Amino acid sequence: QVQLVESGGGLVQPGGSLRLSCAASGSIFTIVIIGWYRQAPGKQRDLVATFTGGGGTHYADSVKGRFTISRDNAKNTVYLQMNSLKPEDTAVYYCHGLSRTNRDYWGQGTQVTVSS
């Protein structure tokens, strides 16, 4: 089992920044891909940014140049630095992990609201 716990969401004005954290625990050695998704009200859950299986990164076109995914292996934590936030970035942000056996793990989500 893997547990993913997000933190760092909140209310921010347009143009502002937030950093989300995803703390992983449990059988984390089974995780081969880890990243962030988001879901706005009435919309599907979409990929935001992820570390790929080969160690690279992948970003949604809508966040390229504004968001950065990073990790601290010593802390078993993945981060999402979000800059130049826009109202359309408002969503619940979820941490996601995929295991070697193709099992999906999700955190509980953290709300990000971009509004003046």
C-alpha atoms as a PDB file:
ATOM      1  CA  GLN A   1       0.000   0.000   0.000  1.00  0.00           C
ATOM      2  CA  VAL A   2       1.038   3.543  -0.729  1.00  0.00           C
ATOM      3  CA  GLN A   3      -0.311   6.645   0.969  1.00  0.00           C
ATOM      4  CA  LEU A   4      -0.138  10.054  -0.684  1.00  0.00           C
ATOM      5  CA  VAL A   5      -0.944  13.205   1.294  1.00  0.00           C
ATOM      6  CA  GLU A   6      -1.154  16.593  -0.388  1.00  0.00           C
ATOM      7  CA  SER A   7      -0.780  19.979   1.249  1.00  0.00           C
ATOM      8  CA  GLY A   8      -0.186  23.585   0.290  1.00  0.00           C
ATOM      9  CA  GLY A   9      -3.402  24.560  -1.432  1.00  0.00           C
ATOM     10  CA  GLY A  10      -5.267  27.767  -0.730  1.00  0.00           C
ATOM     11  CA  LEU A  11      -6.596  31.015  -2.093  1.00  0.00           C
ATOM     12  CA  VAL A  12      -4.265  33.157  -4.180  1.00  0.00           C
ATOM     13  CA  GLN A  13      -4.699  36.194  -6.401  1.00  0.00           C
ATOM     14  CA  PRO A  14      -4.128  35.984 -10.154  1.00  0.00           C
ATOM     15  CA  GLY A  15      -0.413  36.213 -10.887  1.00  0.00           C
ATOM     16  CA  GLY A  16       0.476  34.744  -7.522  1.00  0.00           C
ATOM     17  CA  SER A  17       2.311  31.556  -6.591  1.00  0.00           C
ATOM     18  CA  LEU A  18       1.720  28.439  -4.533  1.00  0.00           C
ATOM     19  CA  ARG A  19       3.759  25.346  -3.829  1.00  0.00           C
ATOM     20  CA  LEU A  20       1.979  22.045  -3.359  1.00  0.00           C
ATOM     21  CA  SER A  21       3.556  19.114  -1.568  1.00  0.00           C
ATOM     22  CA  CYS A  22       2.821  15.395  -1.830  1.00  0.00           C
ATOM     23  CA  ALA A  23       4.243  13.242   0.948  1.00  0.00           C
ATOM     24  CA  ALA A  24       4.450   9.560   0.079  1.00  0.00           C
ATOM     25  CA  SER A  25       4.623   6.708   2.580  1.00  0.00           C
ATOM     26  CA  GLY A  26       4.212   2.959   2.653  1.00  0.00           C
ATOM     27  CA  SER A  27       5.522   0.760  -0.162  1.00  0.00           C
ATOM     28  CA  ILE A  28       6.847   3.672  -2.166  1.00  0.00           C
ATOM     29  CA  PHE A  29       9.489   1.486  -3.813  1.00  0.00           C
ATOM     30  CA  THR A  30       6.674   0.113  -5.976  1.00  0.00           C
ATOM     31  CA  ILE A  31       5.920   3.529  -7.498  1.00  0.00           C
ATOM     32  CA  VAL A  32       7.345   4.058 -10.987  1.00  0.00           C
ATOM     33  CA  ILE A  33       5.510   7.225 -12.009  1.00  0.00           C
ATOM     34  CA  ILE A  34       4.380  10.053  -9.747  1.00  0.00           C
ATOM     35  CA  GLY A  35       2.832  13.395 -10.532  1.00  0.00           C
ATOM     36  CA  TRP A  36      -0.055  15.809 -10.253  1.00  0.00           C
ATOM     37  CA  TYR A  37      -3.547  15.941 -11.699  1.00  0.00           C
ATOM     38  CA  ARG A  38      -6.305  18.491 -11.235  1.00  0.00           C
ATOM     39  CA  GLN A  39     -10.062  18.538 -11.477  1.00  0.00           C
ATOM     40  CA  ALA A  40     -12.156  21.665 -11.862  1.00  0.00           C
ATOM     41  CA  PRO A  41     -15.890  21.643 -11.018  1.00  0.00           C
ATOM     42  CA  GLY A  42     -17.861  19.837 -13.698  1.00  0.00           C
ATOM     43  CA  LYS A  43     -14.741  18.776 -15.579  1.00  0.00           C
ATOM     44  CA  GLN A  44     -12.691  15.615 -15.872  1.00  0.00           C
ATOM     45  CA  ARG A  45      -9.487  15.030 -13.965  1.00  0.00           C
ATOM     46  CA  ASP A  46      -6.527  16.065 -16.120  1.00  0.00           C
ATOM     47  CA  LEU A  47      -2.799  15.568 -15.947  1.00  0.00           C
ATOM     48  CA  VAL A  48      -0.849  18.637 -14.843  1.00  0.00           C
ATOM     49  CA  ALA A  49       2.737  17.443 -14.460  1.00  0.00           C
ATOM     50  CA  THR A  50       4.478  14.170 -13.843  1.00  0.00           C
ATOM     51  CA  PHE A  51       7.802  12.434 -13.570  1.00  0.00           C
ATOM     52  CA  THR A  52       7.969   9.833 -16.293  1.00  0.00           C
ATOM     53  CA  GLY A  53       9.249   6.283 -15.916  1.00  0.00           C
ATOM     54  CA  GLY A  54      12.528   7.280 -17.547  1.00  0.00           C
ATOM     55  CA  GLY A  55      13.166  10.013 -14.994  1.00  0.00           C
ATOM     56  CA  GLY A  56      12.088  12.907 -17.172  1.00  0.00           C
ATOM     57  CA  THR A  57       9.153  15.237 -16.743  1.00  0.00           C
ATOM     58  CA  HIS A  58       5.980  15.931 -18.673  1.00  0.00           C
ATOM     59  CA  TYR A  59       3.727  18.963 -18.418  1.00  0.00           C
ATOM     60  CA  ALA A  60       0.303  19.840 -19.731  1.00  0.00           C
ATOM     61  CA  ASP A  61       0.557  22.546 -22.389  1.00  0.00           C
ATOM     62  CA  SER A  62      -1.563  24.873 -20.264  1.00  0.00           C
ATOM     63  CA  VAL A  63       1.019  24.983 -17.450  1.00  0.00           C
ATOM     64  CA  LYS A  64       4.320  24.817 -19.348  1.00  0.00           C
ATOM     65  CA  GLY A  65       6.626  27.630 -18.315  1.00  0.00           C
ATOM     66  CA  ARG A  66       4.559  28.379 -15.202  1.00  0.00           C
ATOM     67  CA  PHE A  67       4.567  25.150 -13.155  1.00  0.00           C
ATOM     68  CA  THR A  68       7.535  23.068 -12.093  1.00  0.00           C
ATOM     69  CA  ILE A  69       7.481  19.574 -10.644  1.00  0.00           C
ATOM     70  CA  SER A  70      10.335  18.533  -8.371  1.00  0.00           C
ATOM     71  CA  ARG A  71      11.127  15.885  -5.797  1.00  0.00           C
ATOM     72  CA  ASP A  72      13.089  15.367  -2.600  1.00  0.00           C
ATOM     73  CA  ASN A  73      13.866  11.663  -2.406  1.00  0.00           C
ATOM     74  CA  ALA A  74      15.201  11.963   1.134  1.00  0.00           C
ATOM     75  CA  LYS A  75      11.803  13.239   2.251  1.00  0.00           C
ATOM     76  CA  ASN A  76       9.739  11.048  -0.100  1.00  0.00           C
ATOM     77  CA  THR A  77       8.018  14.210  -1.231  1.00  0.00           C
ATOM     78  CA  VAL A  78       7.030  15.580  -4.626  1.00  0.00           C
ATOM     79  CA  TYR A  79       6.380  19.266  -5.131  1.00  0.00           C
ATOM     80  CA  LEU A  80       4.481  21.373  -7.632  1.00  0.00           C
ATOM     81  CA  GLN A  81       5.622  24.972  -7.802  1.00  0.00           C
ATOM     82  CA  MET A  82       2.915  27.037  -9.449  1.00  0.00           C
ATOM     83  CA  ASN A  83       3.724  30.549 -10.633  1.00  0.00           C
ATOM     84  CA  SER A  84       1.770  33.137 -12.593  1.00  0.00           C
ATOM     85  CA  LEU A  85      -1.461  31.517 -11.499  1.00  0.00           C
ATOM     86  CA  LYS A  86      -4.620  32.172 -13.485  1.00  0.00           C
ATOM     87  CA  PRO A  87      -8.286  31.827 -12.519  1.00  0.00           C
ATOM     88  CA  GLU A  88      -8.489  28.823 -14.847  1.00  0.00           C
ATOM     89  CA  ASP A  89      -5.964  27.024 -12.638  1.00  0.00           C
ATOM     90  CA  THR A  90      -8.655  26.822  -9.955  1.00  0.00           C
ATOM     91  CA  ALA A  91      -9.232  23.144  -9.182  1.00  0.00           C
ATOM     92  CA  VAL A  92      -8.675  20.374  -6.715  1.00  0.00           C
ATOM     93  CA  TYR A  93      -5.133  19.143  -7.189  1.00  0.00           C
ATOM     94  CA  TYR A  94      -4.391  15.457  -6.678  1.00  0.00           C
ATOM     95  CA  CYS A  95      -1.137  13.620  -6.259  1.00  0.00           C
ATOM     96  CA  HIS A  96      -1.024  10.396  -8.273  1.00  0.00           C
ATOM     97  CA  GLY A  97       1.274   7.410  -8.186  1.00  0.00           C
ATOM     98  CA  LEU A  98       1.412   4.444 -10.543  1.00  0.00           C
ATOM     99  CA  SER A  99       2.965   1.196  -9.363  1.00  0.00           C
ATOM    100  CA  ARG A 100       4.904  -1.433 -11.289  1.00  0.00           C
ATOM    101  CA  THR A 101       1.723  -3.517 -11.357  1.00  0.00           C
ATOM    102  CA  ASN A 102      -0.263  -0.625 -12.873  1.00  0.00           C
ATOM    103  CA  ARG A 103      -2.102   0.126  -9.664  1.00  0.00           C
ATOM    104  CA  ASP A 104      -3.179   3.727  -9.229  1.00  0.00           C
ATOM    105  CA  TYR A 105      -2.778   5.580  -5.962  1.00  0.00           C
ATOM    106  CA  TRP A 106      -4.412   8.944  -5.273  1.00  0.00           C
ATOM    107  CA  GLY A 107      -4.176  11.471  -2.511  1.00  0.00           C
ATOM    108  CA  GLN A 108      -7.215  13.142  -1.006  1.00  0.00           C
ATOM    109  CA  GLY A 109      -6.678  16.344  -2.992  1.00  0.00           C
ATOM    110  CA  THR A 110      -5.998  19.946  -2.072  1.00  0.00           C
ATOM    111  CA  GLN A 111      -8.067  22.906  -3.230  1.00  0.00           C
ATOM    112  CA  VAL A 112      -6.401  25.699  -5.186  1.00  0.00           C
ATOM    113  CA  THR A 113      -8.495  28.798  -5.819  1.00  0.00           C
ATOM    114  CA  VAL A 114      -7.193  31.661  -7.955  1.00  0.00           C
ATOM    115  CA  SER A 115      -9.359  34.712  -7.538  1.00  0.00           C
ATOM    116  CA  SER A 116      -9.148  38.405  -6.823  1.00  0.00           C
END
